[in-house]
Every structure is written in C-alpha cells, then in structure tokens.
Amino acid sequence: MKKTGRIFIIALVIMCFALLSCKKSPTSDPAPPQPDPDPTITDTDTVSPTPGSDDPSPSTPDSPDANADMVALNIELPIAAFKGTPIPILVDNLEPPLGHDREPFLAPKGTVLISRNKTVLSEDPIFGELSLVTDGDKEAADGCFVYLGPLKQEIVIDLEAMHEIYAIIVWHNHQKAFVYFDVIAQIGEDLDFVKSTIVFNNDIDNSSQMGVGTDKHYIETAEGKLIDCKGVRGRYVKMVSRGNNANDLNHYTEVEVWGKPVE
C-alpha cells in the first residue's frame, strides 16, 4: 500500500509540471506596440517619397526655356592687330582682359544690324570721313578710322526710325592696346536727346558733364566693346569719348547698332 501511494504521488507531480510548462510557452510572440498616428497627416495628404526610393516623383510642368526665342548675333570681327597686352596699362577702374573669346551674344529673334551705312553726325573730323563709322570696315589699318579732335567729342548715328536696340558694338582705334576715356553710349528718341537713356558710361569723375559712370575702362581689341542695351527704344545713338591713354585725340573705326523696328 505504501509503495502504491508513492507511485501515485510521483505521477501526480509529473502531471503538475507538464501542465505548468504548457501555460508558460505561448504559441506565438505578441505583436509590438504600434505608434499613434501622426495628427498632422490627414487622409487627403500625400507624403513625399523618401529620396532614392523607387516611388515616382510627382510630375510637374516643364519650366519655359528663357532662351527659346533668343538667337546669337552674327558679329563679324576684324583681324586682330595684336595679341594680349604688350605693356602694363596704368589706368584706374580698368577691367582685366577677358583671356578668351567673348561668348556669343543672344538677342530676340529678328534682331539685325540696323546701322550699316546710316548717316553719322559730328563736328568736322581732323582726318577721314564720318561715313567710315558705319561702312562695315573694322580693320585696324590707317584709312579705316576717322580722327576727331581732342578732349570731349561725340558722334550721332541716325537710324532713320524708332527701333528696339539690343546691342551696340564700338571699335575705336584698335591698332594698339589703347584705352579711351569717358566712353558713353546714349540712345535717344529725338535728336536733342531730351528723352534718352545712357546704356554705358565709364566717366568716373564726370569730366564730360553727363553724370558719373559706373562702368569700367577697357582695352581696345579686335572684338570691340559690346554694350548690352536690353531693348531700349530710340532712333538716335550718341557715342562720346574724351581722348585716350596715348593722346587727347578720339578715333572711331566702326560702330554697329543691332535691333529691330518698333512695331
């Protein structure tokens, strides 16, 4: 009897251990707690994909090409009379040489050369004809440029009608690396320039009495000086200068005006 009782007790203990093991071993891991939803995102909001993900970006209309209606001006350049700057030029407010060819200049479609063979007005030159200024010959050779007197001198080109002007290119004497002073370009609707706009001015001390300029002096080269006129309207173009770093004389080889008629 005692032996039978012991066997019964041992069997009961084994059954208790088995039951406890089943209660302590869950069939699956509990799910991790979920974060609270972001109160700033509603059902209608769209969340941008993470950069680098495979989700496509929202499509946006193409931005208009700012240069779609612009073309490069076909500016013909003369042969260079020299390369580089042969001697140091001691002139205040002098822009450094570009060091490479000028970038093409873009202007609206329909912009053309409008100054070729137009009338040039000025005081009587010392040497040469005023017609040389708009005859198309830009070479750095004697006989290709007109000599004007000393100190402040000016020329006026009559375009014969109102135009939107986008560029003025001026060649003084580019046989050597000259620097001309008080270079001023003015566009006027009338011959007296009552209604006018100054589009370039490097007169740093107002010695020509047309206002103090903020543009820089520059060295004459075969490329000429290109002045961006941004479509200013006018019929007359005035060019002013006041001698150069070699002497008090003023010279013009060519002035080109590029624009289109006012519609």
Protein backbone atom coordinates (compact mmCIF):
# COMPACT_ATOMS: atom_id res chain seq x y z
CA MET A 1 0.00 0.00 0.00
CA LYS A 2 2.77 2.39 0.85
CA LYS A 3 4.51 1.59 -2.42
CA THR A 4 1.35 2.19 -4.38
CA GLY A 5 0.81 5.54 -2.65
CA ARG A 6 4.32 6.73 -3.52
CA ILE A 7 3.85 5.83 -7.18
CA PHE A 8 0.58 7.79 -7.22
CA ILE A 9 2.24 10.88 -5.69
CA ILE A 10 5.14 10.80 -8.17
CA ALA A 11 2.73 10.53 -11.10
CA LEU A 12 0.74 13.48 -9.77
CA VAL A 13 3.86 15.68 -9.50
CA ILE A 14 4.87 14.84 -13.09
CA MET A 15 1.42 15.82 -14.36
CA CYS A 16 1.58 19.14 -12.49
CA PHE A 17 4.97 20.05 -14.06
CA ALA A 18 3.66 19.22 -17.56
CA LEU A 19 0.62 21.45 -17.06
CA LEU A 20 2.70 24.41 -15.87
CA SER A 21 5.06 24.10 -18.91
CA CYS A 22 2.12 24.42 -21.36
CA LYS A 23 0.90 27.66 -19.72
CA LYS A 24 4.35 29.37 -19.83
CA SER A 25 5.10 28.70 -23.57
CA PRO A 26 2.86 30.91 -25.86
CA THR A 27 2.23 29.70 -29.37
CA SER A 28 3.42 33.00 -30.95
CA ASP A 29 5.25 36.23 -29.98
CA PRO A 30 3.00 39.16 -29.10
CA ALA A 31 2.85 41.99 -31.74
CA PRO A 32 4.94 45.07 -30.90
CA PRO A 33 3.02 48.18 -29.85
CA GLN A 34 2.04 50.46 -32.76
CA PRO A 35 2.84 54.22 -32.61
CA ASP A 36 -0.02 56.68 -32.51
CA PRO A 37 -0.92 58.07 -35.96
CA ASP A 38 0.63 61.45 -36.90
CA PRO A 39 -2.11 64.02 -36.21
CA THR A 40 -0.61 66.37 -38.85
CA ILE A 41 -1.36 63.92 -41.72
CA THR A 42 -4.94 63.59 -42.88
CA ASP A 43 -6.46 61.09 -45.23
CA THR A 44 -6.13 63.56 -48.14
CA ASP A 45 -2.46 64.41 -47.54
CA THR A 46 0.23 62.95 -49.81
CA VAL A 47 3.52 62.07 -48.21
CA SER A 48 6.55 62.68 -50.43
CA PRO A 49 8.62 59.56 -51.10
CA THR A 50 11.99 59.26 -49.49
CA PRO A 51 14.81 60.45 -51.77
CA GLY A 52 16.31 57.48 -53.56
CA SER A 53 13.17 55.36 -53.27
CA ASP A 54 11.52 53.69 -56.23
CA ASP A 55 8.34 55.76 -55.87
CA PRO A 56 7.97 58.15 -58.81
CA SER A 57 8.11 61.87 -58.05
CA PRO A 58 5.01 63.94 -58.69
CA SER A 59 5.05 65.24 -62.26
CA THR A 60 5.44 69.00 -62.75
CA PRO A 61 5.09 71.01 -65.96
CA ASP A 62 8.32 71.83 -67.71
CA SER A 63 9.62 75.34 -66.99
CA PRO A 64 9.74 77.59 -70.07
CA ASP A 65 13.14 77.98 -71.68
CA ALA A 66 14.18 81.60 -71.20
CA ASN A 67 16.37 81.45 -74.33
CA ALA A 68 13.80 79.78 -76.58
CA ASP A 69 13.19 82.96 -78.58
CA MET A 70 16.80 84.20 -78.50
CA VAL A 71 19.46 83.88 -81.17
CA ALA A 72 23.19 84.62 -81.25
CA LEU A 73 24.13 87.73 -83.20
CA ASN A 74 26.33 87.03 -86.21
CA ILE A 75 29.03 89.61 -85.42
CA GLU A 76 31.87 89.65 -87.93
CA LEU A 77 35.20 90.51 -86.32
CA PRO A 78 38.27 92.05 -87.97
CA ILE A 79 41.75 90.59 -87.85
CA ALA A 80 43.47 91.23 -84.53
CA ALA A 81 46.31 93.73 -84.80
CA PHE A 82 47.96 92.43 -81.62
CA LYS A 83 47.60 89.68 -79.06
CA GLY A 84 47.49 90.24 -75.35
CA THR A 85 48.56 93.43 -73.63
CA PRO A 86 52.13 94.30 -74.69
CA ILE A 87 52.84 96.72 -71.83
CA PRO A 88 51.20 97.34 -68.46
CA ILE A 89 48.46 99.96 -68.70
CA LEU A 90 48.14 102.16 -65.64
CA VAL A 91 44.52 103.29 -65.82
CA ASP A 92 42.11 103.48 -62.91
CA ASN A 93 38.96 101.36 -62.95
CA LEU A 94 40.32 99.14 -65.74
CA GLU A 95 38.67 95.78 -66.32
CA PRO A 96 41.12 92.88 -66.74
CA PRO A 97 41.46 91.25 -70.17
CA LEU A 98 38.89 88.53 -70.71
CA GLY A 99 41.56 85.95 -71.58
CA HIS A 100 39.38 84.17 -74.12
CA ASP A 101 36.94 84.90 -76.92
CA ARG A 102 33.77 86.69 -75.98
CA GLU A 103 30.73 84.49 -75.51
CA PRO A 104 28.04 84.70 -78.21
CA PHE A 105 25.58 87.49 -77.51
CA LEU A 106 21.92 86.46 -77.50
CA ALA A 107 19.13 88.76 -78.65
CA PRO A 108 15.48 88.26 -79.60
CA LYS A 109 14.74 86.68 -82.96
CA GLY A 110 14.52 89.31 -85.68
CA THR A 111 17.39 91.40 -84.27
CA VAL A 112 19.59 92.57 -87.15
CA LEU A 113 22.32 95.10 -87.90
CA ILE A 114 20.49 98.41 -88.35
CA SER A 115 23.33 100.94 -88.54
CA ARG A 116 25.11 99.92 -91.76
CA ASN A 117 25.66 102.98 -93.99
CA LYS A 118 23.43 105.16 -91.82
CA THR A 119 24.16 108.90 -91.53
CA VAL A 120 26.74 109.94 -88.92
CA LEU A 121 26.65 113.45 -87.44
CA SER A 122 29.57 115.16 -85.70
CA GLU A 123 31.93 118.10 -85.88
CA ASP A 124 34.26 118.16 -88.85
CA PRO A 125 36.88 115.45 -88.37
CA ILE A 126 40.60 116.14 -88.50
CA PHE A 127 41.13 113.28 -90.90
CA GLY A 128 38.85 110.81 -92.65
CA GLU A 129 35.13 110.80 -93.42
CA LEU A 130 32.33 110.28 -90.91
CA SER A 131 30.90 107.63 -93.20
CA LEU A 132 33.78 105.37 -92.10
CA VAL A 133 31.93 104.86 -88.80
CA THR A 134 29.15 102.79 -90.40
CA ASP A 135 30.74 101.46 -93.62
CA GLY A 136 31.37 97.94 -92.27
CA ASP A 137 35.19 98.13 -92.44
CA LYS A 138 36.53 97.35 -88.95
CA GLU A 139 40.13 96.57 -89.78
CA ALA A 140 42.92 98.16 -87.71
CA ALA A 141 44.58 99.97 -90.61
CA ASP A 142 45.26 103.59 -91.49
CA GLY A 143 42.40 104.93 -93.55
CA CYS A 144 39.84 102.70 -91.83
CA PHE A 145 39.08 105.05 -88.95
CA VAL A 146 38.14 108.70 -88.59
CA TYR A 147 40.15 111.15 -86.47
CA LEU A 148 38.17 113.56 -84.30
CA GLY A 149 39.59 116.49 -82.33
CA PRO A 150 40.96 116.49 -78.77
CA LEU A 151 39.09 116.33 -75.47
CA LYS A 152 35.36 115.55 -75.45
CA GLN A 153 33.99 114.56 -78.85
CA GLU A 154 30.77 112.86 -79.88
CA ILE A 155 29.13 111.28 -82.88
CA VAL A 156 25.44 110.61 -83.50
CA ILE A 157 24.07 107.84 -85.74
CA ASP A 158 20.62 108.41 -87.23
CA LEU A 159 18.81 105.05 -87.54
CA GLU A 160 16.04 106.83 -89.51
CA ALA A 161 13.24 105.18 -87.49
CA MET A 162 12.44 104.02 -83.97
CA HIS A 163 13.98 100.68 -83.01
CA GLU A 164 14.30 98.39 -80.05
CA ILE A 165 18.07 98.36 -79.59
CA TYR A 166 19.72 95.29 -78.06
CA ALA A 167 23.44 95.83 -78.67
CA ILE A 168 25.96 98.50 -79.60
CA ILE A 169 29.48 97.46 -80.56
CA VAL A 170 32.12 100.14 -80.85
CA TRP A 171 35.64 99.90 -82.25
CA HIS A 172 37.84 102.91 -81.62
CA ASN A 173 41.46 102.59 -82.81
CA HIS A 174 42.49 99.01 -82.04
CA GLN A 175 45.89 99.09 -83.75
CA LYS A 176 47.37 99.02 -80.24
CA ALA A 177 46.10 98.40 -76.73
CA PHE A 178 44.56 101.85 -76.29
CA VAL A 179 42.17 102.82 -73.50
CA TYR A 180 39.67 105.58 -74.30
CA PHE A 181 38.26 107.75 -71.56
CA ASP A 182 34.71 108.90 -70.82
CA VAL A 183 33.20 106.37 -73.20
CA ILE A 184 29.45 106.99 -73.07
CA ALA A 185 26.68 105.43 -75.17
CA GLN A 186 23.29 107.15 -75.20
CA ILE A 187 20.07 106.20 -77.02
CA GLY A 188 17.57 108.96 -77.76
CA GLU A 189 14.14 109.24 -79.30
CA ASP A 190 14.91 112.75 -80.58
CA LEU A 191 18.00 114.44 -81.97
CA ASP A 192 18.32 116.66 -78.89
CA PHE A 193 18.28 113.57 -76.63
CA VAL A 194 15.63 115.12 -74.41
CA LYS A 195 14.08 111.68 -73.96
CA SER A 196 17.05 109.35 -73.80
CA THR A 197 18.80 106.56 -71.92
CA ILE A 198 22.51 106.18 -71.17
CA VAL A 199 23.37 102.50 -71.61
CA PHE A 200 27.12 102.73 -70.92
CA ASN A 201 29.26 105.26 -69.04
CA ASN A 202 32.82 104.90 -67.71
CA ASP A 203 33.33 108.60 -66.94
CA ILE A 204 34.43 108.08 -63.34
CA ASP A 205 34.79 111.80 -62.48
CA ASN A 206 32.02 113.44 -64.54
CA SER A 207 34.58 115.29 -66.64
CA SER A 208 32.23 115.08 -69.63
CA GLN A 209 29.33 116.50 -67.63
CA MET A 210 26.96 113.64 -68.39
CA GLY A 211 26.97 112.09 -64.94
CA VAL A 212 29.36 109.83 -63.07
CA GLY A 213 29.58 106.43 -64.70
CA THR A 214 29.88 103.05 -63.01
CA ASP A 215 31.20 101.05 -65.98
CA LYS A 216 34.88 100.17 -66.26
CA HIS A 217 37.56 101.34 -68.65
CA TYR A 218 38.56 98.67 -71.14
CA ILE A 219 41.36 97.89 -73.59
CA GLU A 220 40.62 98.20 -77.30
CA THR A 221 40.75 94.87 -79.14
CA ALA A 222 39.53 93.48 -82.44
CA GLU A 223 36.38 92.26 -80.68
CA GLY A 224 35.26 95.81 -79.98
CA LYS A 225 33.26 96.77 -76.91
CA LEU A 226 29.82 95.16 -76.84
CA ILE A 227 27.21 97.10 -74.86
CA ASP A 228 24.04 95.29 -73.82
CA CYS A 229 21.19 97.76 -74.44
CA LYS A 230 18.34 95.47 -73.29
CA GLY A 231 15.82 96.64 -75.89
CA VAL A 232 15.90 100.38 -75.16
CA ARG A 233 13.87 102.22 -77.76
CA GLY A 234 15.26 105.07 -79.82
CA ARG A 235 16.14 106.46 -83.22
CA TYR A 236 19.49 108.10 -82.45
CA VAL A 237 22.66 106.65 -80.92
CA LYS A 238 25.24 109.00 -79.44
CA MET A 239 28.81 107.88 -78.71
CA VAL A 240 31.07 110.07 -76.57
CA SER A 241 34.79 109.84 -75.77
CA ARG A 242 37.45 112.12 -74.30
CA GLY A 243 40.88 111.15 -75.61
CA ASN A 244 42.87 108.05 -74.74
CA ASN A 245 45.85 106.96 -72.71
CA ALA A 246 48.27 107.86 -75.54
CA ASN A 247 46.94 111.28 -76.64
CA ASP A 248 43.92 113.59 -76.50
CA LEU A 249 42.51 112.58 -79.89
CA ASN A 250 39.40 110.48 -80.49
CA HIS A 251 39.05 107.82 -83.16
CA TYR A 252 36.23 105.65 -84.49
CA THR A 253 36.79 102.65 -86.71
CA GLU A 254 33.22 101.33 -86.62
CA VAL A 255 30.03 101.44 -84.59
CA GLU A 256 27.43 98.72 -85.05
CA VAL A 257 23.88 99.00 -83.70
CA TRP A 258 21.76 95.84 -83.53
CA GLY A 259 18.00 95.97 -83.07
CA LYS A 260 14.57 95.55 -84.62
CA PRO A 261 11.95 98.08 -85.74
CA VAL A 262 9.34 99.17 -83.23
CA GLU A 263 6.03 97.62 -84.24
